[in-house]
Protein backbone atom coordinates (compact mmCIF):
# COMPACT_ATOMS: atom_id res chain seq x y z
CA UNK A 1 -44.30 19.73 53.94
CA UNK A 2 -42.12 21.88 51.31
CA UNK A 3 -39.08 20.74 50.41
CA UNK A 4 -35.75 22.87 51.03
CA UNK A 5 -35.93 23.93 47.62
CA UNK A 6 -39.24 24.83 47.46
CA UNK A 7 -38.39 27.34 50.55
CA UNK A 8 -35.42 28.82 48.71
CA UNK A 9 -37.96 29.33 45.86
CA UNK A 10 -40.34 30.89 47.87
CA UNK A 11 -37.72 33.33 49.67
CA UNK A 12 -36.19 34.29 46.58
CA UNK A 13 -39.98 35.11 45.45
CA UNK A 14 -40.54 36.90 48.58
CA UNK A 15 -37.55 38.91 48.36
CA UNK A 16 -38.11 39.82 44.41
CA UNK A 17 -41.52 40.75 44.97
CA UNK A 18 -41.36 43.94 47.24
CA UNK A 19 -44.41 42.57 49.31
CA UNK A 20 -44.46 42.18 53.14
CA UNK A 21 -43.44 38.29 54.50
CA UNK A 22 -47.07 38.38 55.63
CA UNK A 23 -48.21 39.45 52.47
CA UNK A 24 -46.32 36.99 50.51
CA UNK A 25 -47.37 34.13 52.95
CA UNK A 26 -51.46 35.11 52.66
CA UNK A 27 -51.12 34.97 48.58
CA UNK A 28 -49.38 31.69 48.84
CA UNK A 29 -50.94 30.13 51.61
CA UNK A 30 -48.28 29.59 53.46
CA UNK A 31 -47.72 30.09 57.47
CA UNK A 32 -46.25 32.88 57.99
CA UNK A 33 -44.60 31.25 61.75
CA UNK A 34 -42.84 28.29 58.79
CA UNK A 35 -41.91 31.47 56.60
CA UNK A 36 -39.85 33.02 58.93
CA UNK A 37 -38.71 29.79 60.83
CA UNK A 38 -37.40 28.79 57.31
CA UNK A 39 -36.04 32.71 56.55
CA UNK A 40 -34.13 32.57 59.34
CA UNK A 41 -32.63 28.92 58.91
CA UNK A 42 -31.77 29.91 55.50
CA UNK A 43 -30.23 33.75 56.55
CA UNK A 44 -28.16 31.35 59.09
CA UNK A 45 -26.56 29.20 56.59
CA UNK A 46 -25.59 31.51 54.17
CA UNK A 47 -22.34 32.26 53.51
CA UNK A 48 -21.33 35.82 54.79
CA UNK A 49 -20.98 38.60 52.39
CA UNK A 50 -17.67 39.11 51.45
CA UNK A 51 -15.85 41.88 53.62
CA UNK A 52 -13.48 44.41 51.68
CA UNK A 53 -11.13 45.68 53.28
CA UNK A 54 -9.72 49.67 53.42
CA UNK A 55 -7.21 50.75 50.98
CA UNK A 56 -5.25 54.03 50.24
CA UNK A 57 -5.46 55.23 46.91
CA UNK A 58 -2.15 56.86 45.60
CA UNK A 59 -1.30 58.76 42.27
CA UNK A 60 -2.60 57.54 39.19
CA UNK A 61 -0.34 57.24 36.00
CA UNK A 62 -1.59 58.87 32.73
CA UNK A 63 -1.35 55.49 30.99
CA UNK A 64 -2.40 52.95 33.68
CA UNK A 65 -2.35 49.37 32.75
CA UNK A 66 -1.99 47.95 35.88
CA UNK A 67 -5.59 45.86 37.20
CA UNK A 68 -7.71 46.92 39.66
CA UNK A 69 -7.49 44.99 42.49
CA UNK A 70 -10.13 43.52 45.17
CA UNK A 71 -9.06 41.58 47.62
CA UNK A 72 -11.58 39.92 50.90
CA UNK A 73 -10.61 39.11 54.19
CA UNK A 74 -10.61 36.27 53.71
CA UNK A 75 -8.38 36.40 51.02
CA UNK A 76 -10.14 36.06 47.80
CA UNK A 77 -8.62 38.12 44.99
CA UNK A 78 -10.53 39.75 41.87
CA UNK A 79 -8.46 41.54 39.21
CA UNK A 80 -10.38 43.90 36.90
CA UNK A 81 -8.95 45.76 33.92
CA UNK A 82 -7.93 49.15 34.45
CA UNK A 83 -10.59 50.28 31.68
CA UNK A 84 -13.74 48.92 34.00
CA UNK A 85 -16.44 51.26 33.75
CA UNK A 86 -17.28 52.92 37.12
CA UNK A 87 -21.42 52.10 37.17
CA UNK A 88 -20.23 48.48 36.20
CA UNK A 89 -17.71 48.41 39.21
CA UNK A 90 -20.36 49.95 41.82
CA UNK A 91 -22.82 47.53 40.58
CA UNK A 92 -21.01 44.59 41.59
CA UNK A 93 -19.94 45.96 44.93
CA UNK A 94 -23.65 46.15 45.43
CA UNK A 95 -23.96 42.55 44.48
CA UNK A 96 -21.40 41.28 47.13
CA UNK A 97 -23.12 43.21 49.58
């Protein structure tokens, strides 16, 4: 039986592979039913993605120096400089889920 870290490795490798679960399991000699069960357990144990709250955007001062503040529903706070690149911020939001 594969250790938990081995299954985590397989799950991460499958997600990056672009293969279906069945194709990945055939390629690596894994039972699809076991893989599916481990994937379900992995997803159930993962923390929920941070939830973003709706915001109202007001007028922006020409020389804004205030940081961009992102807050999650659970109370976490992330401050970013006003010079933050929009593409980088978009990628960050995609990664956060």
